[in-house]
Amino acid sequence: SENSEYNAAKEGLAFVEGRIQEIEEILKTAQVVENQNNNHQVEVGTSVLVEIDGKKELFQIVGDFEADPLNKKLSHTSPIGQALVGKKVGDWVEVEVPAGKIKYKIV
């Protein structure tokens, strides 16, 4: 019926307006951070090449709202992100995942 379409549109609008408010709050406290990574440590904004069981994978460490694990963009607060942040080339990290522990070497 026409009313159900109207109500669905109103619900959709309310959701979008709520999301706009959330994003505006995030933007109020957001800060631009210059990348001054002279010590070659993994940090937010860096790409990191790791080796897992002889296979190499390139991850990008990002903020929570940019995270997209399917496209290798890992949040710095994710288990893998937390393990990698602060480490350098040559370091090994071990990450606890549901299937067990995974060892990564930063290359």
PDB file of N, CA and C in Angstrom:
ATOM      1  N   SER A   1       0.830  -1.188   0.000  1.00  0.00           N
ATOM      2  CA  SER A   1       0.000   0.000   0.000  1.00  0.00           C
ATOM      3  C   SER A   1       0.875   1.253   0.000  1.00  0.00           C
ATOM      4  N   GLU A   2       0.266   2.374  -0.278  1.00  0.00           N
ATOM      5  CA  GLU A   2       1.001   3.637  -0.321  1.00  0.00           C
ATOM      6  C   GLU A   2       1.561   4.002   1.042  1.00  0.00           C
ATOM      7  N   ASN A   3       0.806   3.732   2.098  1.00  0.00           N
ATOM      8  CA  ASN A   3       1.264   4.069   3.441  1.00  0.00           C
ATOM      9  C   ASN A   3       2.520   3.304   3.825  1.00  0.00           C
ATOM     10  N   SER A   4       2.601   2.031   3.453  1.00  0.00           N
ATOM     11  CA  SER A   4       3.783   1.247   3.826  1.00  0.00           C
ATOM     12  C   SER A   4       5.023   1.775   3.107  1.00  0.00           C
ATOM     13  N   GLU A   5       4.875   2.199   1.861  1.00  0.00           N
ATOM     14  CA  GLU A   5       6.013   2.783   1.138  1.00  0.00           C
ATOM     15  C   GLU A   5       6.430   4.105   1.780  1.00  0.00           C
ATOM     16  N   TYR A   6       5.437   4.893   2.161  1.00  0.00           N
ATOM     17  CA  TYR A   6       5.705   6.175   2.814  1.00  0.00           C
ATOM     18  C   TYR A   6       6.410   5.955   4.149  1.00  0.00           C
ATOM     19  N   ASN A   7       5.911   5.004   4.930  1.00  0.00           N
ATOM     20  CA  ASN A   7       6.518   4.713   6.231  1.00  0.00           C
ATOM     21  C   ASN A   7       7.940   4.186   6.068  1.00  0.00           C
ATOM     22  N   ALA A   8       8.157   3.357   5.062  1.00  0.00           N
ATOM     23  CA  ALA A   8       9.505   2.834   4.810  1.00  0.00           C
ATOM     24  C   ALA A   8      10.446   3.974   4.429  1.00  0.00           C
ATOM     25  N   ALA A   9       9.952   4.905   3.632  1.00  0.00           N
ATOM     26  CA  ALA A   9      10.773   6.056   3.236  1.00  0.00           C
ATOM     27  C   ALA A   9      11.092   6.925   4.449  1.00  0.00           C
ATOM     28  N   LYS A  10      10.114   7.114   5.340  1.00  0.00           N
ATOM     29  CA  LYS A  10      10.346   7.897   6.558  1.00  0.00           C
ATOM     30  C   LYS A  10      11.389   7.222   7.449  1.00  0.00           C
ATOM     31  N   GLU A  11      11.306   5.901   7.565  1.00  0.00           N
ATOM     32  CA  GLU A  11      12.291   5.164   8.367  1.00  0.00           C
ATOM     33  C   GLU A  11      13.682   5.297   7.760  1.00  0.00           C
ATOM     34  N   GLY A  12      13.749   5.189   6.441  1.00  0.00           N
ATOM     35  CA  GLY A  12      15.034   5.348   5.756  1.00  0.00           C
ATOM     36  C   GLY A  12      15.615   6.732   5.978  1.00  0.00           C
ATOM     37  N   LEU A  13      14.768   7.741   5.906  1.00  0.00           N
ATOM     38  CA  LEU A  13      15.210   9.116   6.131  1.00  0.00           C
ATOM     39  C   LEU A  13      15.711   9.302   7.561  1.00  0.00           C
ATOM     40  N   ALA A  14      14.993   8.737   8.525  1.00  0.00           N
ATOM     41  CA  ALA A  14      15.406   8.849   9.928  1.00  0.00           C
ATOM     42  C   ALA A  14      16.768   8.183  10.135  1.00  0.00           C
ATOM     43  N   PHE A  15      16.979   7.039   9.492  1.00  0.00           N
ATOM     44  CA  PHE A  15      18.267   6.352   9.606  1.00  0.00           C
ATOM     45  C   PHE A  15      19.386   7.214   9.040  1.00  0.00           C
ATOM     46  N   VAL A  16      19.159   7.779   7.865  1.00  0.00           N
ATOM     47  CA  VAL A  16      20.179   8.614   7.221  1.00  0.00           C
ATOM     48  C   VAL A  16      20.468   9.853   8.063  1.00  0.00           C
ATOM     49  N   GLU A  17      19.434  10.479   8.592  1.00  0.00           N
ATOM     50  CA  GLU A  17      19.647  11.658   9.435  1.00  0.00           C
ATOM     51  C   GLU A  17      20.441  11.300  10.692  1.00  0.00           C
ATOM     52  N   GLY A  18      20.163  10.143  11.272  1.00  0.00           N
ATOM     53  CA  GLY A  18      20.920   9.685  12.433  1.00  0.00           C
ATOM     54  C   GLY A  18      22.376   9.445  12.086  1.00  0.00           C
ATOM     55  N   ARG A  19      22.592   8.861  10.934  1.00  0.00           N
ATOM     56  CA  ARG A  19      23.968   8.589  10.484  1.00  0.00           C
ATOM     57  C   ARG A  19      24.718   9.902  10.241  1.00  0.00           C
ATOM     58  N   ILE A  20      24.033  10.896   9.678  1.00  0.00           N
ATOM     59  CA  ILE A  20      24.649  12.214   9.459  1.00  0.00           C
ATOM     60  C   ILE A  20      25.089  12.808  10.791  1.00  0.00           C
ATOM     61  N   GLN A  21      24.254  12.698  11.810  1.00  0.00           N
ATOM     62  CA  GLN A  21      24.621  13.221  13.133  1.00  0.00           C
ATOM     63  C   GLN A  21      25.846  12.499  13.690  1.00  0.00           C
ATOM     64  N   GLU A  22      25.897  11.170  13.524  1.00  0.00           N
ATOM     65  CA  GLU A  22      27.056  10.403  13.996  1.00  0.00           C
ATOM     66  C   GLU A  22      28.332  10.890  13.314  1.00  0.00           C
ATOM     67  N   ILE A  23      28.264  11.055  12.006  1.00  0.00           N
ATOM     68  CA  ILE A  23      29.445  11.475  11.243  1.00  0.00           C
ATOM     69  C   ILE A  23      29.854  12.893  11.619  1.00  0.00           C
ATOM     70  N   GLU A  24      28.877  13.771  11.820  1.00  0.00           N
ATOM     71  CA  GLU A  24      29.207  15.140  12.243  1.00  0.00           C
ATOM     72  C   GLU A  24      29.927  15.138  13.588  1.00  0.00           C
ATOM     73  N   GLU A  25      29.516  14.276  14.513  1.00  0.00           N
ATOM     74  CA  GLU A  25      30.184  14.175  15.817  1.00  0.00           C
ATOM     75  C   GLU A  25      31.616  13.677  15.647  1.00  0.00           C
ATOM     76  N   ILE A  26      31.805  12.712  14.775  1.00  0.00           N
ATOM     77  CA  ILE A  26      33.153  12.193  14.508  1.00  0.00           C
ATOM     78  C   ILE A  26      34.030  13.298  13.940  1.00  0.00           C
ATOM     79  N   LEU A  27      33.487  14.055  12.999  1.00  0.00           N
ATOM     80  CA  LEU A  27      34.264  15.116  12.354  1.00  0.00           C
ATOM     81  C   LEU A  27      34.626  16.239  13.319  1.00  0.00           C
ATOM     82  N   LYS A  28      33.802  16.471  14.341  1.00  0.00           N
ATOM     83  CA  LYS A  28      34.106  17.517  15.318  1.00  0.00           C
ATOM     84  C   LYS A  28      35.409  17.240  16.057  1.00  0.00           C
ATOM     85  N   THR A  29      35.707  15.971  16.277  1.00  0.00           N
ATOM     86  CA  THR A  29      36.901  15.621  17.052  1.00  0.00           C
ATOM     87  C   THR A  29      38.027  15.070  16.180  1.00  0.00           C
ATOM     88  N   ALA A  30      37.799  14.981  14.886  1.00  0.00           N
ATOM     89  CA  ALA A  30      38.826  14.426  13.995  1.00  0.00           C
ATOM     90  C   ALA A  30      40.016  15.365  13.895  1.00  0.00           C
ATOM     91  N   GLN A  31      41.191  14.779  13.762  1.00  0.00           N
ATOM     92  CA  GLN A  31      42.415  15.558  13.607  1.00  0.00           C
ATOM     93  C   GLN A  31      43.209  15.003  12.437  1.00  0.00           C
ATOM     94  N   VAL A  32      43.785  15.902  11.656  1.00  0.00           N
ATOM     95  CA  VAL A  32      44.676  15.485  10.582  1.00  0.00           C
ATOM     96  C   VAL A  32      46.039  15.238  11.210  1.00  0.00           C
ATOM     97  N   VAL A  33      46.603  14.073  10.929  1.00  0.00           N
ATOM     98  CA  VAL A  33      47.892  13.713  11.508  1.00  0.00           C
ATOM     99  C   VAL A  33      48.909  13.621  10.383  1.00  0.00           C
ATOM    100  N   GLU A  34      49.978  14.387  10.514  1.00  0.00           N
ATOM    101  CA  GLU A  34      51.051  14.319   9.527  1.00  0.00           C
ATOM    102  C   GLU A  34      51.834  13.036   9.742  1.00  0.00           C
ATOM    103  N   ASN A  35      52.163  12.369   8.659  1.00  0.00           N
ATOM    104  CA  ASN A  35      52.943  11.144   8.769  1.00  0.00           C
ATOM    105  C   ASN A  35      54.416  11.508   8.848  1.00  0.00           C
ATOM    106  N   GLN A  36      54.974  11.394  10.034  1.00  0.00           N
ATOM    107  CA  GLN A  36      56.390  11.685  10.250  1.00  0.00           C
ATOM    108  C   GLN A  36      57.095  10.415  10.691  1.00  0.00           C
ATOM    109  N   ASN A  37      56.833   9.349   9.967  1.00  0.00           N
ATOM    110  CA  ASN A  37      57.335   8.034  10.343  1.00  0.00           C
ATOM    111  C   ASN A  37      58.778   7.871   9.892  1.00  0.00           C
ATOM    112  N   ASN A  38      59.694   8.457  10.646  1.00  0.00           N
ATOM    113  CA  ASN A  38      61.111   8.348  10.310  1.00  0.00           C
ATOM    114  C   ASN A  38      61.748   7.112  10.913  1.00  0.00           C
ATOM    115  N   ASN A  39      61.049   6.456  11.812  1.00  0.00           N
ATOM    116  CA  ASN A  39      61.622   5.294  12.483  1.00  0.00           C
ATOM    117  C   ASN A  39      61.175   3.977  11.860  1.00  0.00           C
ATOM    118  N   HIS A  40      60.444   4.051  10.780  1.00  0.00           N
ATOM    119  CA  HIS A  40      60.009   2.883  10.013  1.00  0.00           C
ATOM    120  C   HIS A  40      59.175   1.909  10.833  1.00  0.00           C
ATOM    121  N   GLN A  41      58.422   2.436  11.777  1.00  0.00           N
ATOM    122  CA  GLN A  41      57.516   1.596  12.552  1.00  0.00           C
ATOM    123  C   GLN A  41      56.153   1.561  11.879  1.00  0.00           C
ATOM    124  N   VAL A  42      55.444   0.466  12.099  1.00  0.00           N
ATOM    125  CA  VAL A  42      54.081   0.351  11.607  1.00  0.00           C
ATOM    126  C   VAL A  42      53.194   1.262  12.449  1.00  0.00           C
ATOM    127  N   GLU A  43      52.391   2.077  11.784  1.00  0.00           N
ATOM    128  CA  GLU A  43      51.441   2.955  12.466  1.00  0.00           C
ATOM    129  C   GLU A  43      50.262   3.198  11.539  1.00  0.00           C
ATOM    130  N   VAL A  44      49.259   3.886  12.046  1.00  0.00           N
ATOM    131  CA  VAL A  44      48.081   4.190  11.228  1.00  0.00           C
ATOM    132  C   VAL A  44      48.530   4.967  10.002  1.00  0.00           C
ATOM    133  N   GLY A  45      48.070   4.535   8.842  1.00  0.00           N
ATOM    134  CA  GLY A  45      48.423   5.205   7.593  1.00  0.00           C
ATOM    135  C   GLY A  45      49.543   4.525   6.839  1.00  0.00           C
ATOM    136  N   THR A  46      50.197   3.540   7.450  1.00  0.00           N
ATOM    137  CA  THR A  46      51.293   2.873   6.752  1.00  0.00           C
ATOM    138  C   THR A  46      50.808   1.586   6.107  1.00  0.00           C
ATOM    139  N   SER A  47      51.519   1.201   5.065  1.00  0.00           N
ATOM    140  CA  SER A  47      51.319  -0.109   4.458  1.00  0.00           C
ATOM    141  C   SER A  47      52.412  -1.007   5.002  1.00  0.00           C
ATOM    142  N   VAL A  48      52.056  -2.244   5.266  1.00  0.00           N
ATOM    143  CA  VAL A  48      53.020  -3.169   5.859  1.00  0.00           C
ATOM    144  C   VAL A  48      52.964  -4.499   5.109  1.00  0.00           C
ATOM    145  N   LEU A  49      54.130  -4.959   4.695  1.00  0.00           N
ATOM    146  CA  LEU A  49      54.245  -6.238   4.000  1.00  0.00           C
ATOM    147  C   LEU A  49      54.603  -7.292   5.034  1.00  0.00           C
ATOM    148  N   VAL A  50      53.781  -8.331   5.113  1.00  0.00           N
ATOM    149  CA  VAL A  50      54.042  -9.405   6.066  1.00  0.00           C
ATOM    150  C   VAL A  50      54.154 -10.729   5.325  1.00  0.00           C
ATOM    151  N   GLU A  51      54.835 -11.653   5.964  1.00  0.00           N
ATOM    152  CA  GLU A  51      54.969 -12.998   5.415  1.00  0.00           C
ATOM    153  C   GLU A  51      54.286 -13.959   6.373  1.00  0.00           C
ATOM    154  N   ILE A  52      53.423 -14.788   5.812  1.00  0.00           N
ATOM    155  CA  ILE A  52      52.692 -15.776   6.590  1.00  0.00           C
ATOM    156  C   ILE A  52      52.886 -17.122   5.902  1.00  0.00           C
ATOM    157  N   ASP A  53      53.548 -18.030   6.565  1.00  0.00           N
ATOM    158  CA  ASP A  53      53.796 -19.363   5.991  1.00  0.00           C
ATOM    159  C   ASP A  53      54.369 -19.279   4.582  1.00  0.00           C
ATOM    160  N   GLY A  54      55.317 -18.376   4.368  1.00  0.00           N
ATOM    161  CA  GLY A  54      55.985 -18.258   3.074  1.00  0.00           C
ATOM    162  C   GLY A  54      55.246 -17.412   2.052  1.00  0.00           C
ATOM    163  N   LYS A  55      54.014 -16.994   2.353  1.00  0.00           N
ATOM    164  CA  LYS A  55      53.250 -16.142   1.433  1.00  0.00           C
ATOM    165  C   LYS A  55      53.287 -14.711   1.933  1.00  0.00           C
ATOM    166  N   LYS A  56      53.430 -13.767   1.000  1.00  0.00           N
ATOM    167  CA  LYS A  56      53.481 -12.354   1.375  1.00  0.00           C
ATOM    168  C   LYS A  56      52.124 -11.697   1.151  1.00  0.00           C
ATOM    169  N   GLU A  57      51.759 -10.848   2.101  1.00  0.00           N
ATOM    170  CA  GLU A  57      50.521 -10.075   1.997  1.00  0.00           C
ATOM    171  C   GLU A  57      50.810  -8.640   2.387  1.00  0.00           C
ATOM    172  N   LEU A  58      50.186  -7.708   1.667  1.00  0.00           N
ATOM    173  CA  LEU A  58      50.341  -6.285   1.947  1.00  0.00           C
ATOM    174  C   LEU A  58      49.065  -5.781   2.609  1.00  0.00           C
ATOM    175  N   PHE A  59      49.206  -5.247   3.811  1.00  0.00           N
ATOM    176  CA  PHE A  59      48.083  -4.674   4.539  1.00  0.00           C
ATOM    177  C   PHE A  59      48.289  -3.178   4.675  1.00  0.00           C
ATOM    178  N   GLN A  60      47.194  -2.457   4.772  1.00  0.00           N
ATOM    179  CA  GLN A  60      47.255  -1.039   5.112  1.00  0.00           C
ATOM    180  C   GLN A  60      46.606  -0.895   6.483  1.00  0.00           C
ATOM    181  N   ILE A  61      47.288  -0.202   7.389  1.00  0.00           N
ATOM    182  CA  ILE A  61      46.756   0.026   8.726  1.00  0.00           C
ATOM    183  C   ILE A  61      45.980   1.345   8.695  1.00  0.00           C
ATOM    184  N   VAL A  62      44.701   1.274   9.045  1.00  0.00           N
ATOM    185  CA  VAL A  62      43.812   2.436   8.930  1.00  0.00           C
ATOM    186  C   VAL A  62      43.034   2.642  10.228  1.00  0.00           C
ATOM    187  N   GLY A  63      42.293   3.742  10.283  1.00  0.00           N
ATOM    188  CA  GLY A  63      41.395   3.994  11.403  1.00  0.00           C
ATOM    189  C   GLY A  63      40.180   3.088  11.321  1.00  0.00           C
ATOM    190  N   ASP A  64      39.430   3.044  12.414  1.00  0.00           N
ATOM    191  CA  ASP A  64      38.277   2.147  12.490  1.00  0.00           C
ATOM    192  C   ASP A  64      37.265   2.349  11.364  1.00  0.00           C
ATOM    193  N   PHE A  65      37.020   3.602  10.993  1.00  0.00           N
ATOM    194  CA  PHE A  65      35.965   3.870  10.017  1.00  0.00           C
ATOM    195  C   PHE A  65      36.396   3.596   8.583  1.00  0.00           C
ATOM    196  N   GLU A  66      37.687   3.413   8.359  1.00  0.00           N
ATOM    197  CA  GLU A  66      38.188   3.096   7.020  1.00  0.00           C
ATOM    198  C   GLU A  66      38.405   1.605   6.831  1.00  0.00           C
ATOM    199  N   ALA A  67      38.308   0.850   7.901  1.00  0.00           N
ATOM    200  CA  ALA A  67      38.632  -0.576   7.862  1.00  0.00           C
ATOM    201  C   ALA A  67      37.792  -1.307   6.822  1.00  0.00           C
ATOM    202  N   ASP A  68      38.461  -2.161   6.055  1.00  0.00           N
ATOM    203  CA  ASP A  68      37.827  -2.984   5.032  1.00  0.00           C
ATOM    204  C   ASP A  68      38.697  -4.228   4.862  1.00  0.00           C
ATOM    205  N   PRO A  69      38.549  -5.197   5.765  1.00  0.00           N
ATOM    206  CA  PRO A  69      39.440  -6.361   5.756  1.00  0.00           C
ATOM    207  C   PRO A  69      39.487  -7.110   4.427  1.00  0.00           C
ATOM    208  N   LEU A  70      38.380  -7.134   3.692  1.00  0.00           N
ATOM    209  CA  LEU A  70      38.379  -7.841   2.408  1.00  0.00           C
ATOM    210  C   LEU A  70      39.330  -7.195   1.408  1.00  0.00           C
ATOM    211  N   ASN A  71      39.599  -5.896   1.594  1.00  0.00           N
ATOM    212  CA  ASN A  71      40.534  -5.181   0.725  1.00  0.00           C
ATOM    213  C   ASN A  71      41.848  -4.882   1.433  1.00  0.00           C
ATOM    214  N   LYS A  72      42.149  -5.686   2.462  1.00  0.00           N
ATOM    215  CA  LYS A  72      43.439  -5.615   3.177  1.00  0.00           C
ATOM    216  C   LYS A  72      43.639  -4.299   3.921  1.00  0.00           C
ATOM    217  N   LYS A  73      42.550  -3.618   4.276  1.00  0.00           N
ATOM    218  CA  LYS A  73      42.639  -2.403   5.092  1.00  0.00           C
ATOM    219  C   LYS A  73      42.235  -2.789   6.507  1.00  0.00           C
ATOM    220  N   LEU A  74      43.218  -2.860   7.395  1.00  0.00           N
ATOM    221  CA  LEU A  74      42.988  -3.339   8.751  1.00  0.00           C
ATOM    222  C   LEU A  74      42.948  -2.187   9.742  1.00  0.00           C
ATOM    223  N   SER A  75      41.969  -2.215  10.606  1.00  0.00           N
ATOM    224  CA  SER A  75      41.886  -1.206  11.659  1.00  0.00           C
ATOM    225  C   SER A  75      43.041  -1.385  12.630  1.00  0.00           C
ATOM    226  N   HIS A  76      43.548  -0.266  13.116  1.00  0.00           N
ATOM    227  CA  HIS A  76      44.624  -0.332  14.103  1.00  0.00           C
ATOM    228  C   HIS A  76      44.144  -0.930  15.424  1.00  0.00           C
ATOM    229  N   THR A  77      42.822  -1.048  15.600  1.00  0.00           N
ATOM    230  CA  THR A  77      42.290  -1.647  16.823  1.00  0.00           C
ATOM    231  C   THR A  77      41.910  -3.115  16.642  1.00  0.00           C
ATOM    232  N   SER A  78      42.050  -3.641  15.428  1.00  0.00           N
ATOM    233  CA  SER A  78      41.773  -5.058  15.192  1.00  0.00           C
ATOM    234  C   SER A  78      42.896  -5.888  15.814  1.00  0.00           C
ATOM    235  N   PRO A  79      42.674  -7.175  16.053  1.00  0.00           N
ATOM    236  CA  PRO A  79      43.744  -7.992  16.637  1.00  0.00           C
ATOM    237  C   PRO A  79      45.042  -7.954  15.827  1.00  0.00           C
ATOM    238  N   ILE A  80      44.948  -8.055  14.505  1.00  0.00           N
ATOM    239  CA  ILE A  80      46.160  -8.018  13.676  1.00  0.00           C
ATOM    240  C   ILE A  80      46.754  -6.620  13.693  1.00  0.00           C
ATOM    241  N   GLY A  81      45.911  -5.603  13.563  1.00  0.00           N
ATOM    242  CA  GLY A  81      46.392  -4.223  13.598  1.00  0.00           C
ATOM    243  C   GLY A  81      47.109  -3.902  14.893  1.00  0.00           C
ATOM    244  N   GLN A  82      46.524  -4.302  16.018  1.00  0.00           N
ATOM    245  CA  GLN A  82      47.153  -4.054  17.316  1.00  0.00           C
ATOM    246  C   GLN A  82      48.505  -4.745  17.415  1.00  0.00           C
ATOM    247  N   ALA A  83      48.594  -5.953  16.866  1.00  0.00           N
ATOM    248  CA  ALA A  83      49.855  -6.692  16.935  1.00  0.00           C
ATOM    249  C   ALA A  83      50.933  -6.037  16.079  1.00  0.00           C
ATOM    250  N   LEU A  84      50.542  -5.432  14.948  1.00  0.00           N
ATOM    251  CA  LEU A  84      51.523  -4.864  14.017  1.00  0.00           C
ATOM    252  C   LEU A  84      51.974  -3.455  14.391  1.00  0.00           C
ATOM    253  N   VAL A  85      51.073  -2.648  14.956  1.00  0.00           N
ATOM    254  CA  VAL A  85      51.409  -1.251  15.263  1.00  0.00           C
ATOM    255  C   VAL A  85      52.590  -1.198  16.237  1.00  0.00           C
ATOM    256  N   GLY A  86      53.567  -0.373  15.867  1.00  0.00           N
ATOM    257  CA  GLY A  86      54.754  -0.195  16.700  1.00  0.00           C
ATOM    258  C   GLY A  86      55.895  -1.125  16.348  1.00  0.00           C
ATOM    259  N   LYS A  87      55.635  -2.097  15.485  1.00  0.00           N
ATOM    260  CA  LYS A  87      56.681  -3.052  15.103  1.00  0.00           C
ATOM    261  C   LYS A  87      57.444  -2.534  13.892  1.00  0.00           C
ATOM    262  N   LYS A  88      58.602  -3.174  13.611  1.00  0.00           N
ATOM    263  CA  LYS A  88      59.474  -2.765  12.506  1.00  0.00           C
ATOM    264  C   LYS A  88      59.777  -3.954  11.605  1.00  0.00           C
ATOM    265  N   VAL A  89      60.382  -3.665  10.454  1.00  0.00           N
ATOM    266  CA  VAL A  89      60.804  -4.715   9.527  1.00  0.00           C
ATOM    267  C   VAL A  89      61.704  -5.691  10.271  1.00  0.00           C
ATOM    268  N   GLY A  90      61.440  -6.976  10.064  1.00  0.00           N
ATOM    269  CA  GLY A  90      62.220  -8.021  10.715  1.00  0.00           C
ATOM    270  C   GLY A  90      61.556  -8.568  11.965  1.00  0.00           C
ATOM    271  N   ASP A  91      60.605  -7.806  12.532  1.00  0.00           N
ATOM    272  CA  ASP A  91      59.912  -8.267  13.738  1.00  0.00           C
ATOM    273  C   ASP A  91      58.917  -9.378  13.404  1.00  0.00           C
ATOM    274  N   TRP A  92      58.722 -10.245  14.359  1.00  0.00           N
ATOM    275  CA  TRP A  92      57.693 -11.276  14.286  1.00  0.00           C
ATOM    276  C   TRP A  92      56.573 -10.888  15.232  1.00  0.00           C
ATOM    277  N   VAL A  93      55.332 -11.130  14.815  1.00  0.00           N
ATOM    278  CA  VAL A  93      54.192 -10.928  15.706  1.00  0.00           C
ATOM    279  C   VAL A  93      53.341 -12.188  15.683  1.00  0.00           C
ATOM    280  N   GLU A  94      52.689 -12.433  16.797  1.00  0.00           N
ATOM    281  CA  GLU A  94      51.810 -13.586  16.897  1.00  0.00           C
ATOM    282  C   GLU A  94      50.423 -13.068  17.226  1.00  0.00           C
ATOM    283  N   VAL A  95      49.436 -13.531  16.476  1.00  0.00           N
ATOM    284  CA  VAL A  95      48.071 -13.040  16.651  1.00  0.00           C
ATOM    285  C   VAL A  95      47.161 -14.216  16.981  1.00  0.00           C
ATOM    286  N   GLU A  96      46.386 -14.042  18.032  1.00  0.00           N
ATOM    287  CA  GLU A  96      45.416 -15.061  18.435  1.00  0.00           C
ATOM    288  C   GLU A  96      44.138 -14.853  17.625  1.00  0.00           C
ATOM    289  N   VAL A  97      43.748 -15.877  16.871  1.00  0.00           N
ATOM    290  CA  VAL A  97      42.515 -15.842  16.082  1.00  0.00           C
ATOM    291  C   VAL A  97      41.676 -17.055  16.483  1.00  0.00           C
ATOM    292  N   PRO A  98      40.400 -17.076  16.098  1.00  0.00           N
ATOM    293  CA  PRO A  98      39.559 -18.217  16.500  1.00  0.00           C
ATOM    294  C   PRO A  98      40.151 -19.581  16.124  1.00  0.00           C
ATOM    295  N   ALA A  99      40.873 -19.644  15.012  1.00  0.00           N
ATOM    296  CA  ALA A  99      41.436 -20.919  14.568  1.00  0.00           C
ATOM    297  C   ALA A  99      42.754 -21.260  15.262  1.00  0.00           C
ATOM    298  N   GLY A 100      43.267 -20.364  16.092  1.00  0.00           N
ATOM    299  CA  GLY A 100      44.545 -20.605  16.769  1.00  0.00           C
ATOM    300  C   GLY A 100      45.423 -19.376  16.695  1.00  0.00           C
ATOM    301  N   LYS A 101      46.739 -19.603  16.660  1.00  0.00           N
ATOM    302  CA  LYS A 101      47.685 -18.487  16.583  1.00  0.00           C
ATOM    303  C   LYS A 101      48.297 -18.424  15.192  1.00  0.00           C
ATOM    304  N   ILE A 102      48.449 -17.198  14.698  1.00  0.00           N
ATOM    305  CA  ILE A 102      49.092 -16.978  13.400  1.00  0.00           C
ATOM    306  C   ILE A 102      50.337 -16.149  13.649  1.00  0.00           C
ATOM    307  N   LYS A 103      51.451 -16.550  13.036  1.00  0.00           N
ATOM    308  CA  LYS A 103      52.700 -15.794  13.154  1.00  0.00           C
ATOM    309  C   LYS A 103      52.936 -15.026  11.862  1.00  0.00           C
ATOM    310  N   TYR A 104      53.220 -13.742  12.015  1.00  0.00           N
ATOM    311  CA  TYR A 104      53.518 -12.870  10.884  1.00  0.00           C
ATOM    312  C   TYR A 104      54.947 -12.366  11.036  1.00  0.00           C
ATOM    313  N   LYS A 105      55.662 -12.300   9.924  1.00  0.00           N
ATOM    314  CA  LYS A 105      56.966 -11.642   9.921  1.00  0.00           C
ATOM    315  C   LYS A 105      56.826 -10.389   9.070  1.00  0.00           C
ATOM    316  N   ILE A 106      57.268  -9.251   9.602  1.00  0.00           N
ATOM    317  CA  ILE A 106      57.218  -8.003   8.845  1.00  0.00           C
ATOM    318  C   ILE A 106      58.438  -7.970   7.942  1.00  0.00           C
ATOM    319  N   VAL A 107      58.192  -7.836   6.643  1.00  0.00           N
ATOM    320  CA  VAL A 107      59.297  -7.858   5.661  1.00  0.00           C
ATOM    321  C   VAL A 107      59.406  -6.544   4.914  1.00  0.00           C
TER     322      VAL A 107
END
